[in-house]
Amino acid sequence: MKRFVVQSPKVAFLTGHETRDIYKTGDRDYNQFAENQYFRYSLRNQGFDVVTLSLEDQEVPEDIDIVVIADMKTPFNEVENDRLNKYIARGGNLFILGDARRQEIMNPITEQMGVTFMSGTLVEMKENDSPSLIAGHITKERLRSVLNLIPVHMSSDLSLQCLMLLVWYLTLLKVSMPLR
């Protein structure tokens, strides 16, 4: 029904470089979250159009709203870097997922935006227990600061769609998100 009223945002998952695949169903891949029509929270069922894109073969089309780089294991070549940089320069939106063990591959992409992957894992030290991974808690203030990072030239619909994609991914990670 939503598709009749509002234009669906188009999300392109980059292919190649051993990225996570939206068509494979393995533990490492994103089929259930991107394409699976029987999974209520899949991007497709949440109103997103999902496609794949190879920067080796083509530029990022104008109708792509968000490009997802999903944990690539090998670096982009010069042509792919140029195509990605053109997309970024025209105000394109990126959703970058990566493992800290791949910082030498991911950092050349993220450093131009002031973000770097660092080695290590964040843990919470406990006096009487083993250390445990830190679960993020999004507060109203933090949510406001994230919304302020969304470029002004984006329409409010697209800003909301980017935020929905972020919330969708945090939900998949089972990150606790109380709005205090």
N, C-alpha and C. Protein backbone atom coordinates (compact mmCIF):
# COMPACT_ATOMS: atom_id res chain seq x y z
N MET A 1 0.82 -1.18 0.00
CA MET A 1 0.00 0.00 0.00
C MET A 1 0.87 1.26 0.00
N LYS A 2 1.93 1.24 0.82
CA LYS A 2 2.81 2.40 0.94
C LYS A 2 3.42 2.76 -0.41
N ARG A 3 3.71 1.76 -1.22
CA ARG A 3 4.34 1.99 -2.52
C ARG A 3 3.45 2.79 -3.47
N PHE A 4 2.14 2.78 -3.25
CA PHE A 4 1.23 3.55 -4.09
C PHE A 4 1.24 5.03 -3.72
N VAL A 5 1.61 5.34 -2.49
CA VAL A 5 1.53 6.70 -1.98
C VAL A 5 2.88 7.42 -2.04
N VAL A 6 3.95 6.72 -1.70
CA VAL A 6 5.26 7.33 -1.58
C VAL A 6 6.26 6.58 -2.47
N GLN A 7 7.15 7.33 -3.10
CA GLN A 7 8.19 6.68 -3.91
C GLN A 7 9.14 5.94 -2.98
N SER A 8 9.40 4.68 -3.28
CA SER A 8 10.27 3.86 -2.44
C SER A 8 11.72 4.28 -2.60
N PRO A 9 12.43 4.40 -1.48
CA PRO A 9 13.87 4.69 -1.59
C PRO A 9 14.58 3.48 -2.17
N LYS A 10 15.60 3.73 -2.98
CA LYS A 10 16.32 2.64 -3.63
C LYS A 10 17.68 2.48 -2.94
N VAL A 11 17.92 1.28 -2.43
CA VAL A 11 19.16 0.94 -1.73
C VAL A 11 19.97 0.01 -2.62
N ALA A 12 21.23 0.38 -2.88
CA ALA A 12 22.11 -0.45 -3.71
C ALA A 12 23.20 -1.05 -2.83
N PHE A 13 23.26 -2.36 -2.79
CA PHE A 13 24.34 -3.06 -2.10
C PHE A 13 25.45 -3.29 -3.11
N LEU A 14 26.66 -2.83 -2.77
CA LEU A 14 27.79 -3.03 -3.68
C LEU A 14 28.17 -4.50 -3.72
N THR A 15 28.58 -4.96 -4.90
CA THR A 15 29.01 -6.34 -5.08
C THR A 15 30.51 -6.38 -5.35
N GLY A 16 31.06 -7.58 -5.30
CA GLY A 16 32.50 -7.74 -5.48
C GLY A 16 33.21 -7.54 -4.15
N HIS A 17 34.49 -7.77 -4.14
CA HIS A 17 35.33 -7.55 -2.95
C HIS A 17 34.89 -8.39 -1.76
N GLU A 18 34.25 -9.51 -2.05
CA GLU A 18 33.78 -10.45 -1.02
C GLU A 18 32.87 -9.79 0.00
N THR A 19 32.03 -8.85 -0.48
CA THR A 19 31.07 -8.20 0.41
C THR A 19 29.95 -9.18 0.75
N ARG A 20 29.19 -8.83 1.73
CA ARG A 20 28.04 -9.67 2.10
C ARG A 20 27.01 -9.61 0.97
N ASP A 21 26.42 -10.74 0.68
CA ASP A 21 25.57 -10.90 -0.50
C ASP A 21 24.10 -10.89 -0.11
N ILE A 22 23.28 -10.14 -0.84
CA ILE A 22 21.85 -10.09 -0.52
C ILE A 22 21.07 -11.25 -1.13
N TYR A 23 21.70 -12.04 -1.98
CA TYR A 23 20.99 -13.16 -2.60
C TYR A 23 21.33 -14.50 -1.96
N LYS A 24 22.39 -14.56 -1.17
CA LYS A 24 22.76 -15.79 -0.48
C LYS A 24 22.13 -15.80 0.91
N THR A 25 21.88 -17.00 1.41
CA THR A 25 21.17 -17.13 2.68
C THR A 25 22.08 -17.58 3.83
N GLY A 26 23.38 -17.60 3.64
CA GLY A 26 24.29 -18.03 4.70
C GLY A 26 24.32 -17.06 5.87
N ASP A 27 24.98 -17.48 6.95
CA ASP A 27 25.08 -16.66 8.16
C ASP A 27 25.74 -15.32 7.89
N ARG A 28 26.68 -15.28 6.96
CA ARG A 28 27.43 -14.06 6.67
C ARG A 28 26.72 -13.15 5.68
N ASP A 29 25.66 -13.62 5.10
CA ASP A 29 25.02 -12.87 4.02
C ASP A 29 23.72 -12.20 4.48
N TYR A 30 23.19 -11.32 3.61
CA TYR A 30 22.09 -10.44 4.00
C TYR A 30 20.76 -10.73 3.31
N ASN A 31 20.55 -11.93 2.81
CA ASN A 31 19.31 -12.22 2.11
C ASN A 31 18.09 -11.98 2.98
N GLN A 32 18.10 -12.50 4.17
CA GLN A 32 16.93 -12.38 5.03
C GLN A 32 16.62 -10.91 5.31
N PHE A 33 17.63 -10.11 5.51
CA PHE A 33 17.41 -8.72 5.89
C PHE A 33 17.11 -7.82 4.70
N ALA A 34 17.53 -8.21 3.52
CA ALA A 34 17.33 -7.35 2.35
C ALA A 34 16.18 -7.80 1.47
N GLU A 35 16.11 -9.08 1.17
CA GLU A 35 15.21 -9.57 0.13
C GLU A 35 14.09 -10.49 0.58
N ASN A 36 14.24 -11.16 1.71
CA ASN A 36 13.32 -12.23 2.10
C ASN A 36 11.90 -11.69 2.32
N GLN A 37 11.00 -12.11 1.45
CA GLN A 37 9.62 -11.62 1.54
C GLN A 37 8.88 -12.17 2.76
N TYR A 38 9.41 -13.25 3.36
CA TYR A 38 8.75 -13.84 4.51
C TYR A 38 9.26 -13.30 5.84
N PHE A 39 10.30 -12.45 5.80
CA PHE A 39 10.83 -11.83 7.00
C PHE A 39 10.26 -10.42 7.10
N ARG A 40 9.47 -10.20 8.12
CA ARG A 40 8.71 -8.95 8.25
C ARG A 40 9.59 -7.70 8.17
N TYR A 41 10.81 -7.77 8.72
CA TYR A 41 11.66 -6.58 8.81
C TYR A 41 12.66 -6.46 7.67
N SER A 42 12.51 -7.26 6.63
CA SER A 42 13.43 -7.12 5.49
C SER A 42 13.23 -5.74 4.86
N LEU A 43 14.29 -5.25 4.25
CA LEU A 43 14.19 -3.93 3.60
C LEU A 43 13.04 -3.89 2.60
N ARG A 44 12.90 -4.95 1.82
CA ARG A 44 11.85 -5.00 0.83
C ARG A 44 10.48 -4.85 1.48
N ASN A 45 10.27 -5.54 2.60
CA ASN A 45 8.98 -5.47 3.28
C ASN A 45 8.78 -4.16 4.05
N GLN A 46 9.85 -3.41 4.25
CA GLN A 46 9.76 -2.11 4.90
C GLN A 46 9.64 -0.97 3.89
N GLY A 47 9.46 -1.32 2.62
CA GLY A 47 9.20 -0.31 1.61
C GLY A 47 10.41 0.17 0.83
N PHE A 48 11.54 -0.50 0.93
CA PHE A 48 12.72 -0.12 0.18
C PHE A 48 12.82 -0.97 -1.08
N ASP A 49 13.31 -0.38 -2.17
CA ASP A 49 13.68 -1.16 -3.35
C ASP A 49 15.15 -1.51 -3.17
N VAL A 50 15.49 -2.77 -3.34
CA VAL A 50 16.85 -3.24 -3.09
C VAL A 50 17.44 -3.78 -4.39
N VAL A 51 18.64 -3.29 -4.72
CA VAL A 51 19.35 -3.74 -5.92
C VAL A 51 20.82 -3.97 -5.56
N THR A 52 21.53 -4.60 -6.48
CA THR A 52 22.97 -4.73 -6.33
C THR A 52 23.64 -3.87 -7.39
N LEU A 53 24.89 -3.50 -7.11
CA LEU A 53 25.61 -2.61 -7.99
C LEU A 53 27.09 -2.95 -7.95
N SER A 54 27.71 -3.03 -9.12
CA SER A 54 29.15 -3.23 -9.23
C SER A 54 29.77 -1.93 -9.72
N LEU A 55 30.61 -1.33 -8.89
CA LEU A 55 31.29 -0.10 -9.31
C LEU A 55 32.33 -0.38 -10.38
N GLU A 56 32.71 -1.62 -10.52
CA GLU A 56 33.64 -2.01 -11.58
C GLU A 56 32.97 -1.86 -12.95
N ASP A 57 31.65 -2.13 -12.98
CA ASP A 57 30.92 -2.14 -14.25
C ASP A 57 30.22 -0.83 -14.59
N GLN A 58 29.84 -0.03 -13.60
CA GLN A 58 29.07 1.17 -13.90
C GLN A 58 29.17 2.20 -12.79
N GLU A 59 28.80 3.45 -13.16
CA GLU A 59 28.66 4.54 -12.19
C GLU A 59 27.44 4.26 -11.32
N VAL A 60 27.34 4.95 -10.20
CA VAL A 60 26.15 4.83 -9.36
C VAL A 60 25.03 5.60 -10.05
N PRO A 61 23.94 4.92 -10.41
CA PRO A 61 22.83 5.59 -11.10
C PRO A 61 22.22 6.71 -10.25
N GLU A 62 21.64 7.69 -10.90
CA GLU A 62 21.04 8.86 -10.23
C GLU A 62 19.88 8.48 -9.32
N ASP A 63 19.20 7.36 -9.60
CA ASP A 63 18.02 7.01 -8.81
C ASP A 63 18.34 6.24 -7.53
N ILE A 64 19.63 6.02 -7.24
CA ILE A 64 20.02 5.32 -6.02
C ILE A 64 20.05 6.32 -4.87
N ASP A 65 19.32 6.00 -3.80
CA ASP A 65 19.25 6.88 -2.64
C ASP A 65 20.33 6.56 -1.61
N ILE A 66 20.64 5.28 -1.45
CA ILE A 66 21.62 4.87 -0.44
C ILE A 66 22.48 3.76 -1.03
N VAL A 67 23.80 3.88 -0.88
CA VAL A 67 24.73 2.81 -1.28
C VAL A 67 25.22 2.14 -0.01
N VAL A 68 25.15 0.81 0.02
CA VAL A 68 25.60 0.04 1.17
C VAL A 68 26.90 -0.68 0.80
N ILE A 69 27.94 -0.43 1.59
CA ILE A 69 29.19 -1.16 1.47
C ILE A 69 29.20 -2.12 2.65
N ALA A 70 29.01 -3.40 2.38
CA ALA A 70 28.79 -4.39 3.43
C ALA A 70 30.01 -5.27 3.66
N ASP A 71 30.91 -4.77 4.49
CA ASP A 71 32.04 -5.56 4.99
C ASP A 71 32.93 -6.11 3.87
N MET A 72 33.45 -5.22 3.04
CA MET A 72 34.30 -5.68 1.95
C MET A 72 35.65 -6.16 2.49
N LYS A 73 36.24 -7.11 1.79
CA LYS A 73 37.50 -7.71 2.24
C LYS A 73 38.69 -7.35 1.38
N THR A 74 38.44 -6.77 0.22
CA THR A 74 39.53 -6.33 -0.65
C THR A 74 39.26 -4.89 -1.07
N PRO A 75 40.31 -4.09 -1.27
CA PRO A 75 40.11 -2.67 -1.57
C PRO A 75 39.58 -2.42 -2.97
N PHE A 76 38.97 -1.25 -3.13
CA PHE A 76 38.51 -0.82 -4.45
C PHE A 76 39.70 -0.51 -5.34
N ASN A 77 39.52 -0.70 -6.65
CA ASN A 77 40.56 -0.25 -7.59
C ASN A 77 40.31 1.24 -7.88
N GLU A 78 41.14 1.82 -8.71
CA GLU A 78 41.07 3.26 -8.98
C GLU A 78 39.74 3.66 -9.61
N VAL A 79 39.24 2.86 -10.55
CA VAL A 79 37.97 3.16 -11.22
C VAL A 79 36.83 3.15 -10.20
N GLU A 80 36.80 2.14 -9.34
CA GLU A 80 35.74 2.04 -8.34
C GLU A 80 35.81 3.20 -7.35
N ASN A 81 37.02 3.56 -6.93
CA ASN A 81 37.19 4.70 -6.02
C ASN A 81 36.66 5.98 -6.66
N ASP A 82 37.01 6.20 -7.92
CA ASP A 82 36.53 7.39 -8.63
C ASP A 82 35.02 7.43 -8.70
N ARG A 83 34.40 6.30 -9.01
CA ARG A 83 32.94 6.25 -9.13
C ARG A 83 32.26 6.49 -7.78
N LEU A 84 32.83 5.91 -6.72
CA LEU A 84 32.27 6.13 -5.39
C LEU A 84 32.43 7.59 -4.99
N ASN A 85 33.59 8.17 -5.25
CA ASN A 85 33.84 9.58 -4.90
C ASN A 85 32.91 10.52 -5.66
N LYS A 86 32.58 10.21 -6.91
CA LYS A 86 31.62 11.02 -7.66
C LYS A 86 30.24 10.97 -7.01
N TYR A 87 29.85 9.78 -6.57
CA TYR A 87 28.56 9.61 -5.89
C TYR A 87 28.54 10.43 -4.60
N ILE A 88 29.62 10.36 -3.83
CA ILE A 88 29.70 11.12 -2.58
C ILE A 88 29.67 12.61 -2.86
N ALA A 89 30.40 13.05 -3.89
CA ALA A 89 30.49 14.48 -4.23
C ALA A 89 29.14 15.06 -4.61
N ARG A 90 28.27 14.24 -5.19
CA ARG A 90 26.95 14.77 -5.56
C ARG A 90 25.94 14.65 -4.42
N GLY A 91 26.45 14.32 -3.23
CA GLY A 91 25.58 14.27 -2.04
C GLY A 91 24.98 12.91 -1.77
N GLY A 92 25.56 11.85 -2.35
CA GLY A 92 25.04 10.50 -2.15
C GLY A 92 25.18 10.03 -0.71
N ASN A 93 24.30 9.14 -0.30
CA ASN A 93 24.28 8.61 1.05
C ASN A 93 24.96 7.25 1.08
N LEU A 94 25.81 7.04 2.08
CA LEU A 94 26.50 5.77 2.25
C LEU A 94 26.09 5.13 3.57
N PHE A 95 25.99 3.83 3.56
CA PHE A 95 25.81 3.05 4.78
C PHE A 95 26.95 2.05 4.75
N ILE A 96 27.93 2.23 5.64
CA ILE A 96 29.15 1.43 5.59
C ILE A 96 29.18 0.49 6.79
N LEU A 97 29.31 -0.80 6.49
CA LEU A 97 29.40 -1.82 7.52
C LEU A 97 30.76 -2.47 7.37
N GLY A 98 31.49 -2.59 8.45
CA GLY A 98 32.81 -3.18 8.34
C GLY A 98 33.29 -3.74 9.65
N ASP A 99 34.18 -4.67 9.54
CA ASP A 99 34.80 -5.31 10.68
C ASP A 99 36.09 -4.55 11.00
N ALA A 100 36.38 -4.37 12.27
CA ALA A 100 37.59 -3.65 12.67
C ALA A 100 38.85 -4.33 12.13
N ARG A 101 38.78 -5.61 11.85
CA ARG A 101 39.95 -6.32 11.31
C ARG A 101 40.24 -5.92 9.87
N ARG A 102 39.35 -5.18 9.25
CA ARG A 102 39.54 -4.75 7.87
C ARG A 102 39.79 -3.25 7.77
N GLN A 103 40.35 -2.69 8.80
CA GLN A 103 40.53 -1.23 8.83
C GLN A 103 41.41 -0.72 7.71
N GLU A 104 42.42 -1.48 7.29
CA GLU A 104 43.29 -1.01 6.20
C GLU A 104 42.55 -0.95 4.87
N ILE A 105 41.47 -1.70 4.75
CA ILE A 105 40.67 -1.69 3.52
C ILE A 105 39.57 -0.63 3.60
N MET A 106 38.95 -0.49 4.75
CA MET A 106 37.82 0.41 4.92
C MET A 106 38.24 1.86 5.16
N ASN A 107 39.34 2.09 5.84
CA ASN A 107 39.74 3.45 6.19
C ASN A 107 39.94 4.39 5.01
N PRO A 108 40.50 3.94 3.88
CA PRO A 108 40.61 4.88 2.75
C PRO A 108 39.26 5.44 2.30
N ILE A 109 38.19 4.71 2.51
CA ILE A 109 36.85 5.18 2.15
C ILE A 109 36.32 6.12 3.23
N THR A 110 36.45 5.71 4.49
CA THR A 110 35.82 6.46 5.58
C THR A 110 36.61 7.69 6.02
N GLU A 111 37.92 7.69 5.84
CA GLU A 111 38.74 8.81 6.33
C GLU A 111 38.39 10.13 5.66
N GLN A 112 37.96 10.10 4.41
CA GLN A 112 37.58 11.35 3.74
C GLN A 112 36.35 11.99 4.37
N MET A 113 35.63 11.22 5.21
CA MET A 113 34.47 11.75 5.91
C MET A 113 34.75 11.97 7.39
N GLY A 114 36.03 11.80 7.77
CA GLY A 114 36.42 12.03 9.16
C GLY A 114 36.15 10.87 10.09
N VAL A 115 35.99 9.66 9.55
CA VAL A 115 35.71 8.47 10.36
C VAL A 115 36.78 7.43 10.07
N THR A 116 37.25 6.76 11.12
CA THR A 116 38.22 5.68 10.91
C THR A 116 37.82 4.45 11.71
N PHE A 117 38.13 3.31 11.15
CA PHE A 117 37.97 2.06 11.87
C PHE A 117 39.23 1.89 12.71
N MET A 118 39.05 1.47 13.96
CA MET A 118 40.19 1.27 14.84
C MET A 118 40.20 -0.18 15.30
N SER A 119 41.38 -0.66 15.63
CA SER A 119 41.47 -2.03 16.11
C SER A 119 40.92 -2.12 17.53
N GLY A 120 40.51 -3.30 17.89
CA GLY A 120 40.02 -3.53 19.24
C GLY A 120 38.52 -3.70 19.31
N THR A 121 38.06 -4.05 20.48
CA THR A 121 36.64 -4.25 20.74
C THR A 121 36.29 -3.49 22.01
N LEU A 122 35.19 -2.79 22.01
CA LEU A 122 34.76 -2.08 23.20
C LEU A 122 34.10 -3.05 24.16
N VAL A 123 34.60 -3.07 25.39
CA VAL A 123 34.02 -3.93 26.41
C VAL A 123 33.80 -3.13 27.68
N GLU A 124 32.87 -3.59 28.47
CA GLU A 124 32.60 -2.97 29.75
C GLU A 124 33.22 -3.85 30.83
N MET A 125 34.14 -3.26 31.59
CA MET A 125 34.78 -4.00 32.66
C MET A 125 33.82 -4.07 33.85
N LYS A 126 33.72 -5.25 34.46
CA LYS A 126 32.85 -5.44 35.61
C LYS A 126 33.69 -5.98 36.77
N GLU A 127 33.34 -5.53 37.94
CA GLU A 127 34.14 -5.91 39.11
C GLU A 127 34.06 -7.40 39.40
N ASN A 128 32.88 -7.99 39.32
CA ASN A 128 32.70 -9.38 39.72
C ASN A 128 32.40 -10.33 38.56
N ASP A 129 32.43 -9.83 37.33
CA ASP A 129 32.11 -10.64 36.16
C ASP A 129 33.18 -10.49 35.10
N SER A 130 33.10 -11.33 34.10
CA SER A 130 33.98 -11.18 32.94
C SER A 130 33.55 -9.94 32.17
N PRO A 131 34.47 -9.33 31.44
CA PRO A 131 34.08 -8.18 30.59
C PRO A 131 33.02 -8.59 29.58
N SER A 132 32.12 -7.67 29.24
CA SER A 132 31.11 -7.97 28.23
C SER A 132 31.09 -6.85 27.19
N LEU A 133 30.61 -7.21 26.00
CA LEU A 133 30.51 -6.21 24.94
C LEU A 133 29.58 -5.08 25.35
N ILE A 134 29.90 -3.91 24.87
CA ILE A 134 29.08 -2.75 25.18
C ILE A 134 27.90 -2.70 24.22
N ALA A 135 26.70 -2.58 24.77
CA ALA A 135 25.50 -2.42 23.95
C ALA A 135 25.17 -0.94 23.91
N GLY A 136 24.94 -0.42 22.72
CA GLY A 136 24.64 1.00 22.57
C GLY A 136 23.24 1.34 23.03
N HIS A 137 23.09 2.50 23.60
CA HIS A 137 21.77 2.99 24.00
C HIS A 137 21.59 4.36 23.35
N ILE A 138 20.60 4.47 22.52
CA ILE A 138 20.36 5.74 21.83
C ILE A 138 19.43 6.57 22.70
N THR A 139 19.91 7.73 23.09
CA THR A 139 19.10 8.65 23.87
C THR A 139 18.47 9.67 22.92
N LYS A 140 17.52 10.42 23.41
CA LYS A 140 16.90 11.46 22.59
C LYS A 140 17.94 12.46 22.11
N GLU A 141 18.87 12.81 23.00
CA GLU A 141 19.92 13.77 22.64
C GLU A 141 20.82 13.20 21.54
N ARG A 142 21.19 11.94 21.67
CA ARG A 142 22.06 11.31 20.66
C ARG A 142 21.32 11.21 19.33
N LEU A 143 20.04 10.87 19.37
CA LEU A 143 19.25 10.79 18.15
C LEU A 143 19.19 12.15 17.47
N ARG A 144 19.01 13.21 18.25
CA ARG A 144 19.00 14.56 17.67
C ARG A 144 20.35 14.87 17.01
N SER A 145 21.45 14.48 17.67
CA SER A 145 22.76 14.78 17.09
C SER A 145 22.98 13.99 15.81
N VAL A 146 22.47 12.77 15.74
CA VAL A 146 22.57 11.99 14.51
C VAL A 146 21.75 12.65 13.41
N LEU A 147 20.54 13.10 13.75
CA LEU A 147 19.69 13.76 12.75
C LEU A 147 20.34 15.04 12.25
N ASN A 148 21.09 15.72 13.10
CA ASN A 148 21.76 16.95 12.67
C ASN A 148 22.89 16.67 11.68
N LEU A 149 23.38 15.42 11.62
CA LEU A 149 24.43 15.06 10.68
C LEU A 149 23.89 14.84 9.27
N ILE A 150 22.58 14.62 9.16
CA ILE A 150 21.98 14.37 7.86
C ILE A 150 22.00 15.67 7.07
N PRO A 151 22.55 15.65 5.86
CA PRO A 151 22.70 16.89 5.10
C PRO A 151 21.39 17.65 4.91
N VAL A 152 21.49 18.96 4.98
CA VAL A 152 20.32 19.83 4.85
C VAL A 152 19.68 19.70 3.48
N HIS A 153 20.50 19.43 2.43
CA HIS A 153 19.93 19.39 1.09
C HIS A 153 19.06 18.16 0.84
N MET A 154 19.05 17.22 1.80
CA MET A 154 18.21 16.04 1.63
C MET A 154 16.77 16.40 1.98
N SER A 155 15.84 15.81 1.28
CA SER A 155 14.44 16.03 1.62
C SER A 155 14.16 15.38 2.96
N SER A 156 13.14 15.84 3.65
CA SER A 156 12.82 15.24 4.95
C SER A 156 12.42 13.78 4.78
N ASP A 157 11.77 13.43 3.66
CA ASP A 157 11.43 12.03 3.42
C ASP A 157 12.69 11.18 3.32
N LEU A 158 13.69 11.67 2.58
CA LEU A 158 14.92 10.91 2.42
C LEU A 158 15.69 10.85 3.73
N SER A 159 15.69 11.92 4.52
CA SER A 159 16.33 11.93 5.83
C SER A 159 15.70 10.85 6.71
N LEU A 160 14.38 10.80 6.70
CA LEU A 160 13.68 9.81 7.49
C LEU A 160 14.01 8.40 7.00
N GLN A 161 14.12 8.22 5.69
CA GLN A 161 14.43 6.91 5.14
C GLN A 161 15.84 6.48 5.55
N CYS A 162 16.80 7.41 5.57
CA CYS A 162 18.16 7.09 6.02
C CYS A 162 18.14 6.69 7.48
N LEU A 163 17.37 7.41 8.29
CA LEU A 163 17.26 7.08 9.69
C LEU A 163 16.61 5.71 9.87
N MET A 164 15.57 5.43 9.06
CA MET A 164 14.92 4.12 9.13
C MET A 164 15.91 3.01 8.82
N LEU A 165 16.79 3.23 7.84
CA LEU A 165 17.79 2.22 7.49
C LEU A 165 18.75 2.01 8.65
N LEU A 166 19.15 3.08 9.32
CA LEU A 166 20.04 2.96 10.46
C LEU A 166 19.35 2.19 11.59
N VAL A 167 18.12 2.55 11.91
CA VAL A 167 17.38 1.87 12.96
C VAL A 167 17.17 0.40 12.59
N TRP A 168 16.88 0.13 11.31
CA TRP A 168 16.71 -1.25 10.85
C TRP A 168 17.97 -2.05 11.12
N TYR A 169 19.15 -1.48 10.81
CA TYR A 169 20.39 -2.21 11.00
C TYR A 169 20.68 -2.42 12.48
N LEU A 170 20.45 -1.40 13.30
CA LEU A 170 20.67 -1.56 14.74
C LEU A 170 19.75 -2.62 15.31
N THR A 171 18.53 -2.70 14.78
CA THR A 171 17.58 -3.72 15.22
C THR A 171 18.11 -5.11 14.86
N LEU A 172 18.69 -5.24 13.68
CA LEU A 172 19.24 -6.54 13.29
C LEU A 172 20.38 -6.96 14.22
N LEU A 173 21.15 -5.98 14.67
CA LEU A 173 22.24 -6.27 15.58
C LEU A 173 21.76 -6.49 17.00
N LYS A 174 20.47 -6.29 17.19
CA LYS A 174 19.84 -6.41 18.51
C LYS A 174 20.44 -5.43 19.50
N VAL A 175 20.75 -4.23 19.01
CA VAL A 175 21.26 -3.17 19.87
C VAL A 175 20.10 -2.59 20.64
N SER A 176 20.26 -2.45 21.92
CA SER A 176 19.23 -1.87 22.76
C SER A 176 19.08 -0.39 22.42
N MET A 177 17.85 0.07 22.18
CA MET A 177 17.66 1.45 21.73
C MET A 177 16.57 2.18 22.51
N PRO A 178 16.66 2.21 23.85
CA PRO A 178 15.61 2.96 24.57
C PRO A 178 15.78 4.45 24.33
N LEU A 179 14.69 5.16 24.13
CA LEU A 179 14.73 6.61 24.01
C LEU A 179 14.40 7.19 25.39
N ARG A 180 15.45 7.54 26.11
CA ARG A 180 15.26 8.03 27.49
C ARG A 180 14.83 9.47 27.49
